[in-house]
Amino acid sequence: MNEIKGYNDLTKAQHKWLWYVQRKHLSAISSKKREIRGTGSIQNVGWNAQDACIEVHFNRK
């Protein structure tokens, strides 16, 4: 997996939450979409304090 920009800026709890949600997300979508939205396609992540969420940006294909 490529290094994800912003990943090291997240807390350990946010890391855990990111991978939990990513696994749930991938299990709910088709295999074709998994190729596009898989872990290797994550370009950068960041914490959005206003919305209390992790923003995930994917590479465009």
PDB file of N, CA and C in Angstrom:
ATOM      1  N   MET A   1       0.847  -1.180   0.000  1.00  0.00           N
ATOM      2  CA  MET A   1       0.000   0.000   0.000  1.00  0.00           C
ATOM      3  C   MET A   1       0.887   1.236   0.000  1.00  0.00           C
ATOM      4  N   ASN A   2       0.507   2.234  -0.779  1.00  0.00           N
ATOM      5  CA  ASN A   2       1.227   3.504  -0.810  1.00  0.00           C
ATOM      6  C   ASN A   2       0.992   4.253   0.497  1.00  0.00           C
ATOM      7  N   GLU A   3       1.946   5.104   0.831  1.00  0.00           N
ATOM      8  CA  GLU A   3       1.761   5.916   2.029  1.00  0.00           C
ATOM      9  C   GLU A   3       0.604   6.877   1.792  1.00  0.00           C
ATOM     10  N   ILE A   4      -0.233   7.017   2.801  1.00  0.00           N
ATOM     11  CA  ILE A   4      -1.411   7.868   2.704  1.00  0.00           C
ATOM     12  C   ILE A   4      -1.098   9.201   3.366  1.00  0.00           C
ATOM     13  N   LYS A   5      -1.208  10.281   2.610  1.00  0.00           N
ATOM     14  CA  LYS A   5      -0.956  11.614   3.148  1.00  0.00           C
ATOM     15  C   LYS A   5      -1.949  11.900   4.265  1.00  0.00           C
ATOM     16  N   GLY A   6      -1.456  12.444   5.353  1.00  0.00           N
ATOM     17  CA  GLY A   6      -2.303  12.819   6.473  1.00  0.00           C
ATOM     18  C   GLY A   6      -2.534  11.712   7.486  1.00  0.00           C
ATOM     19  N   TYR A   7      -2.194  10.474   7.130  1.00  0.00           N
ATOM     20  CA  TYR A   7      -2.451   9.336   8.020  1.00  0.00           C
ATOM     21  C   TYR A   7      -1.715   9.484   9.350  1.00  0.00           C
ATOM     22  N   ASN A   8      -0.468   9.917   9.289  1.00  0.00           N
ATOM     23  CA  ASN A   8       0.325  10.044  10.514  1.00  0.00           C
ATOM     24  C   ASN A   8      -0.149  11.183  11.414  1.00  0.00           C
ATOM     25  N   ASP A   9      -0.993  12.064  10.884  1.00  0.00           N
ATOM     26  CA  ASP A   9      -1.537  13.164  11.684  1.00  0.00           C
ATOM     27  C   ASP A   9      -2.761  12.740  12.495  1.00  0.00           C
ATOM     28  N   LEU A  10      -3.315  11.574  12.185  1.00  0.00           N
ATOM     29  CA  LEU A  10      -4.479  11.071  12.915  1.00  0.00           C
ATOM     30  C   LEU A  10      -4.024  10.425  14.228  1.00  0.00           C
ATOM     31  N   THR A  11      -4.929  10.393  15.213  1.00  0.00           N
ATOM     32  CA  THR A  11      -4.633   9.711  16.475  1.00  0.00           C
ATOM     33  C   THR A  11      -4.787   8.206  16.287  1.00  0.00           C
ATOM     34  N   LYS A  12      -4.349   7.435  17.258  1.00  0.00           N
ATOM     35  CA  LYS A  12      -4.510   5.973  17.181  1.00  0.00           C
ATOM     36  C   LYS A  12      -5.983   5.587  17.123  1.00  0.00           C
ATOM     37  N   ALA A  13      -6.814   6.292  17.867  1.00  0.00           N
ATOM     38  CA  ALA A  13      -8.255   6.014  17.844  1.00  0.00           C
ATOM     39  C   ALA A  13      -8.832   6.304  16.457  1.00  0.00           C
ATOM     40  N   GLN A  14      -8.370   7.370  15.822  1.00  0.00           N
ATOM     41  CA  GLN A  14      -8.834   7.705  14.479  1.00  0.00           C
ATOM     42  C   GLN A  14      -8.341   6.685  13.464  1.00  0.00           C
ATOM     43  N   HIS A  15      -7.116   6.173  13.626  1.00  0.00           N
ATOM     44  CA  HIS A  15      -6.613   5.097  12.753  1.00  0.00           C
ATOM     45  C   HIS A  15      -7.546   3.899  12.835  1.00  0.00           C
ATOM     46  N   LYS A  16      -7.861   3.516  14.058  1.00  0.00           N
ATOM     47  CA  LYS A  16      -8.721   2.357  14.289  1.00  0.00           C
ATOM     48  C   LYS A  16     -10.086   2.568  13.628  1.00  0.00           C
ATOM     49  N   TRP A  17     -10.654   3.747  13.796  1.00  0.00           N
ATOM     50  CA  TRP A  17     -11.970   4.063  13.237  1.00  0.00           C
ATOM     51  C   TRP A  17     -11.916   4.046  11.708  1.00  0.00           C
ATOM     52  N   LEU A  18     -10.864   4.623  11.125  1.00  0.00           N
ATOM     53  CA  LEU A  18     -10.709   4.645   9.679  1.00  0.00           C
ATOM     54  C   LEU A  18     -10.740   3.239   9.105  1.00  0.00           C
ATOM     55  N   TRP A  19      -9.951   2.316   9.671  1.00  0.00           N
ATOM     56  CA  TRP A  19      -9.886   0.965   9.124  1.00  0.00           C
ATOM     57  C   TRP A  19     -11.150   0.166   9.399  1.00  0.00           C
ATOM     58  N   TYR A  20     -11.829   0.445  10.510  1.00  0.00           N
ATOM     59  CA  TYR A  20     -13.112  -0.211  10.793  1.00  0.00           C
ATOM     60  C   TYR A  20     -14.139   0.188   9.723  1.00  0.00           C
ATOM     61  N   VAL A  21     -14.246   1.482   9.477  1.00  0.00           N
ATOM     62  CA  VAL A  21     -15.219   1.971   8.493  1.00  0.00           C
ATOM     63  C   VAL A  21     -14.837   1.508   7.087  1.00  0.00           C
ATOM     64  N   GLN A  22     -13.552   1.514   6.765  1.00  0.00           N
ATOM     65  CA  GLN A  22     -13.100   1.067   5.444  1.00  0.00           C
ATOM     66  C   GLN A  22     -13.484  -0.397   5.206  1.00  0.00           C
ATOM     67  N   ARG A  23     -13.281  -1.258   6.196  1.00  0.00           N
ATOM     68  CA  ARG A  23     -13.660  -2.680   6.048  1.00  0.00           C
ATOM     69  C   ARG A  23     -15.164  -2.825   5.844  1.00  0.00           C
ATOM     70  N   LYS A  24     -15.945  -2.080   6.624  1.00  0.00           N
ATOM     71  CA  LYS A  24     -17.410  -2.147   6.483  1.00  0.00           C
ATOM     72  C   LYS A  24     -17.837  -1.651   5.103  1.00  0.00           C
ATOM     73  N   HIS A  25     -17.231  -0.576   4.667  1.00  0.00           N
ATOM     74  CA  HIS A  25     -17.552   0.007   3.361  1.00  0.00           C
ATOM     75  C   HIS A  25     -17.245  -0.974   2.235  1.00  0.00           C
ATOM     76  N   LEU A  26     -16.056  -1.570   2.266  1.00  0.00           N
ATOM     77  CA  LEU A  26     -15.669  -2.493   1.204  1.00  0.00           C
ATOM     78  C   LEU A  26     -16.543  -3.735   1.172  1.00  0.00           C
ATOM     79  N   SER A  27     -17.006  -4.171   2.330  1.00  0.00           N
ATOM     80  CA  SER A  27     -17.851  -5.367   2.360  1.00  0.00           C
ATOM     81  C   SER A  27     -19.256  -5.096   1.819  1.00  0.00           C
ATOM     82  N   ALA A  28     -19.612  -3.825   1.698  1.00  0.00           N
ATOM     83  CA  ALA A  28     -20.963  -3.473   1.269  1.00  0.00           C
ATOM     84  C   ALA A  28     -21.053  -3.089  -0.211  1.00  0.00           C
ATOM     85  N   ILE A  29     -19.926  -3.031  -0.920  1.00  0.00           N
ATOM     86  CA  ILE A  29     -19.951  -2.612  -2.315  1.00  0.00           C
ATOM     87  C   ILE A  29     -19.497  -3.744  -3.239  1.00  0.00           C
ATOM     88  N   SER A  30     -19.781  -3.583  -4.510  1.00  0.00           N
ATOM     89  CA  SER A  30     -19.442  -4.622  -5.492  1.00  0.00           C
ATOM     90  C   SER A  30     -17.929  -4.755  -5.645  1.00  0.00           C
ATOM     91  N   SER A  31     -17.512  -5.892  -6.163  1.00  0.00           N
ATOM     92  CA  SER A  31     -16.074  -6.131  -6.340  1.00  0.00           C
ATOM     93  C   SER A  31     -15.461  -5.131  -7.321  1.00  0.00           C
ATOM     94  N   LYS A  32     -16.208  -4.715  -8.322  1.00  0.00           N
ATOM     95  CA  LYS A  32     -15.692  -3.722  -9.273  1.00  0.00           C
ATOM     96  C   LYS A  32     -15.433  -2.388  -8.570  1.00  0.00           C
ATOM     97  N   LYS A  33     -16.355  -1.979  -7.718  1.00  0.00           N
ATOM     98  CA  LYS A  33     -16.174  -0.721  -6.984  1.00  0.00           C
ATOM     99  C   LYS A  33     -15.065  -0.848  -5.945  1.00  0.00           C
ATOM    100  N   ARG A  34     -14.850  -2.060  -5.427  1.00  0.00           N
ATOM    101  CA  ARG A  34     -13.765  -2.268  -4.461  1.00  0.00           C
ATOM    102  C   ARG A  34     -12.418  -1.940  -5.077  1.00  0.00           C
ATOM    103  N   GLU A  35     -12.269  -2.227  -6.373  1.00  0.00           N
ATOM    104  CA  GLU A  35     -11.021  -1.908  -7.062  1.00  0.00           C
ATOM    105  C   GLU A  35     -10.782  -0.396  -7.061  1.00  0.00           C
ATOM    106  N   ILE A  36     -11.841   0.368  -7.214  1.00  0.00           N
ATOM    107  CA  ILE A  36     -11.749   1.831  -7.288  1.00  0.00           C
ATOM    108  C   ILE A  36     -11.635   2.452  -5.893  1.00  0.00           C
ATOM    109  N   ARG A  37     -12.306   1.873  -4.912  1.00  0.00           N
ATOM    110  CA  ARG A  37     -12.359   2.448  -3.570  1.00  0.00           C
ATOM    111  C   ARG A  37     -11.576   1.648  -2.534  1.00  0.00           C
ATOM    112  N   GLY A  38     -10.701   0.781  -2.983  1.00  0.00           N
ATOM    113  CA  GLY A  38      -9.899  -0.030  -2.075  1.00  0.00           C
ATOM    114  C   GLY A  38      -8.868   0.798  -1.338  1.00  0.00           C
ATOM    115  N   THR A  39      -8.247   0.192  -0.364  1.00  0.00           N
ATOM    116  CA  THR A  39      -7.260   0.860   0.473  1.00  0.00           C
ATOM    117  C   THR A  39      -6.126   1.465  -0.350  1.00  0.00           C
ATOM    118  N   GLY A  40      -5.695   0.784  -1.392  1.00  0.00           N
ATOM    119  CA  GLY A  40      -4.620   1.298  -2.230  1.00  0.00           C
ATOM    120  C   GLY A  40      -4.994   2.526  -3.030  1.00  0.00           C
ATOM    121  N   SER A  41      -6.277   2.851  -3.085  1.00  0.00           N
ATOM    122  CA  SER A  41      -6.749   4.012  -3.832  1.00  0.00           C
ATOM    123  C   SER A  41      -6.913   5.257  -2.963  1.00  0.00           C
ATOM    124  N   ILE A  42      -6.657   5.136  -1.673  1.00  0.00           N
ATOM    125  CA  ILE A  42      -6.792   6.298  -0.790  1.00  0.00           C
ATOM    126  C   ILE A  42      -5.606   7.224  -1.034  1.00  0.00           C
ATOM    127  N   GLN A  43      -5.889   8.462  -1.375  1.00  0.00           N
ATOM    128  CA  GLN A  43      -4.851   9.448  -1.657  1.00  0.00           C
ATOM    129  C   GLN A  43      -4.442  10.189  -0.388  1.00  0.00           C
ATOM    130  N   ASN A  44      -5.437  10.682   0.360  1.00  0.00           N
ATOM    131  CA  ASN A  44      -5.129  11.365   1.614  1.00  0.00           C
ATOM    132  C   ASN A  44      -6.317  11.306   2.549  1.00  0.00           C
ATOM    133  N   VAL A  45      -6.022  11.517   3.818  1.00  0.00           N
ATOM    134  CA  VAL A  45      -7.045  11.521   4.853  1.00  0.00           C
ATOM    135  C   VAL A  45      -6.796  12.709   5.777  1.00  0.00           C
ATOM    136  N   GLY A  46      -7.830  13.109   6.475  1.00  0.00           N
ATOM    137  CA  GLY A  46      -7.677  14.200   7.430  1.00  0.00           C
ATOM    138  C   GLY A  46      -8.839  14.243   8.390  1.00  0.00           C
ATOM    139  N   TRP A  47      -8.593  14.786   9.546  1.00  0.00           N
ATOM    140  CA  TRP A  47      -9.629  14.923  10.560  1.00  0.00           C
ATOM    141  C   TRP A  47     -10.370  16.226  10.333  1.00  0.00           C
ATOM    142  N   ASN A  48     -11.684  16.154  10.259  1.00  0.00           N
ATOM    143  CA  ASN A  48     -12.543  17.324  10.136  1.00  0.00           C
ATOM    144  C   ASN A  48     -13.169  17.554  11.505  1.00  0.00           C
ATOM    145  N   ALA A  49     -12.595  18.479  12.276  1.00  0.00           N
ATOM    146  CA  ALA A  49     -13.038  18.717  13.651  1.00  0.00           C
ATOM    147  C   ALA A  49     -14.462  19.271  13.707  1.00  0.00           C
ATOM    148  N   GLN A  50     -14.829  20.089  12.734  1.00  0.00           N
ATOM    149  CA  GLN A  50     -16.164  20.685  12.733  1.00  0.00           C
ATOM    150  C   GLN A  50     -17.251  19.618  12.641  1.00  0.00           C
ATOM    151  N   ASP A  51     -17.034  18.632  11.769  1.00  0.00           N
ATOM    152  CA  ASP A  51     -18.023  17.562  11.593  1.00  0.00           C
ATOM    153  C   ASP A  51     -17.684  16.309  12.390  1.00  0.00           C
ATOM    154  N   ALA A  52     -16.559  16.323  13.098  1.00  0.00           N
ATOM    155  CA  ALA A  52     -16.093  15.181  13.898  1.00  0.00           C
ATOM    156  C   ALA A  52     -16.064  13.904  13.053  1.00  0.00           C
ATOM    157  N   CYS A  53     -15.351  13.993  11.922  1.00  0.00           N
ATOM    158  CA  CYS A  53     -15.252  12.839  11.036  1.00  0.00           C
ATOM    159  C   CYS A  53     -13.895  12.825  10.340  1.00  0.00           C
ATOM    160  N   ILE A  54     -13.568  11.683   9.799  1.00  0.00           N
ATOM    161  CA  ILE A  54     -12.351  11.543   9.008  1.00  0.00           C
ATOM    162  C   ILE A  54     -12.746  11.687   7.548  1.00  0.00           C
ATOM    163  N   GLU A  55     -12.094  12.614   6.861  1.00  0.00           N
ATOM    164  CA  GLU A  55     -12.344  12.788   5.435  1.00  0.00           C
ATOM    165  C   GLU A  55     -11.351  11.924   4.669  1.00  0.00           C
ATOM    166  N   VAL A  56     -11.843  11.163   3.724  1.00  0.00           N
ATOM    167  CA  VAL A  56     -11.017  10.282   2.914  1.00  0.00           C
ATOM    168  C   VAL A  56     -11.149  10.701   1.461  1.00  0.00           C
ATOM    169  N   HIS A  57     -10.016  10.921   0.808  1.00  0.00           N
ATOM    170  CA  HIS A  57     -10.004  11.319  -0.595  1.00  0.00           C
ATOM    171  C   HIS A  57      -9.317  10.202  -1.385  1.00  0.00           C
ATOM    172  N   PHE A  58      -9.993   9.775  -2.444  1.00  0.00           N
ATOM    173  CA  PHE A  58      -9.495   8.675  -3.277  1.00  0.00           C
ATOM    174  C   PHE A  58      -8.858   9.210  -4.545  1.00  0.00           C
ATOM    175  N   ASN A  59      -7.928   8.427  -5.111  1.00  0.00           N
ATOM    176  CA  ASN A  59      -7.371   8.748  -6.431  1.00  0.00           C
ATOM    177  C   ASN A  59      -8.480   8.640  -7.451  1.00  0.00           C
ATOM    178  N   ARG A  60      -8.440   9.477  -8.450  1.00  0.00           N
ATOM    179  CA  ARG A  60      -9.414   9.375  -9.535  1.00  0.00           C
ATOM    180  C   ARG A  60      -8.871   8.440 -10.587  1.00  0.00           C
ATOM    181  N   LYS A  61      -9.716   7.576 -11.090  1.00  0.00           N
ATOM    182  CA  LYS A  61      -9.308   6.643 -12.146  1.00  0.00           C
ATOM    183  C   LYS A  61     -10.134   6.857 -13.371  1.00  0.00           C
TER     184      LYS A  61
END
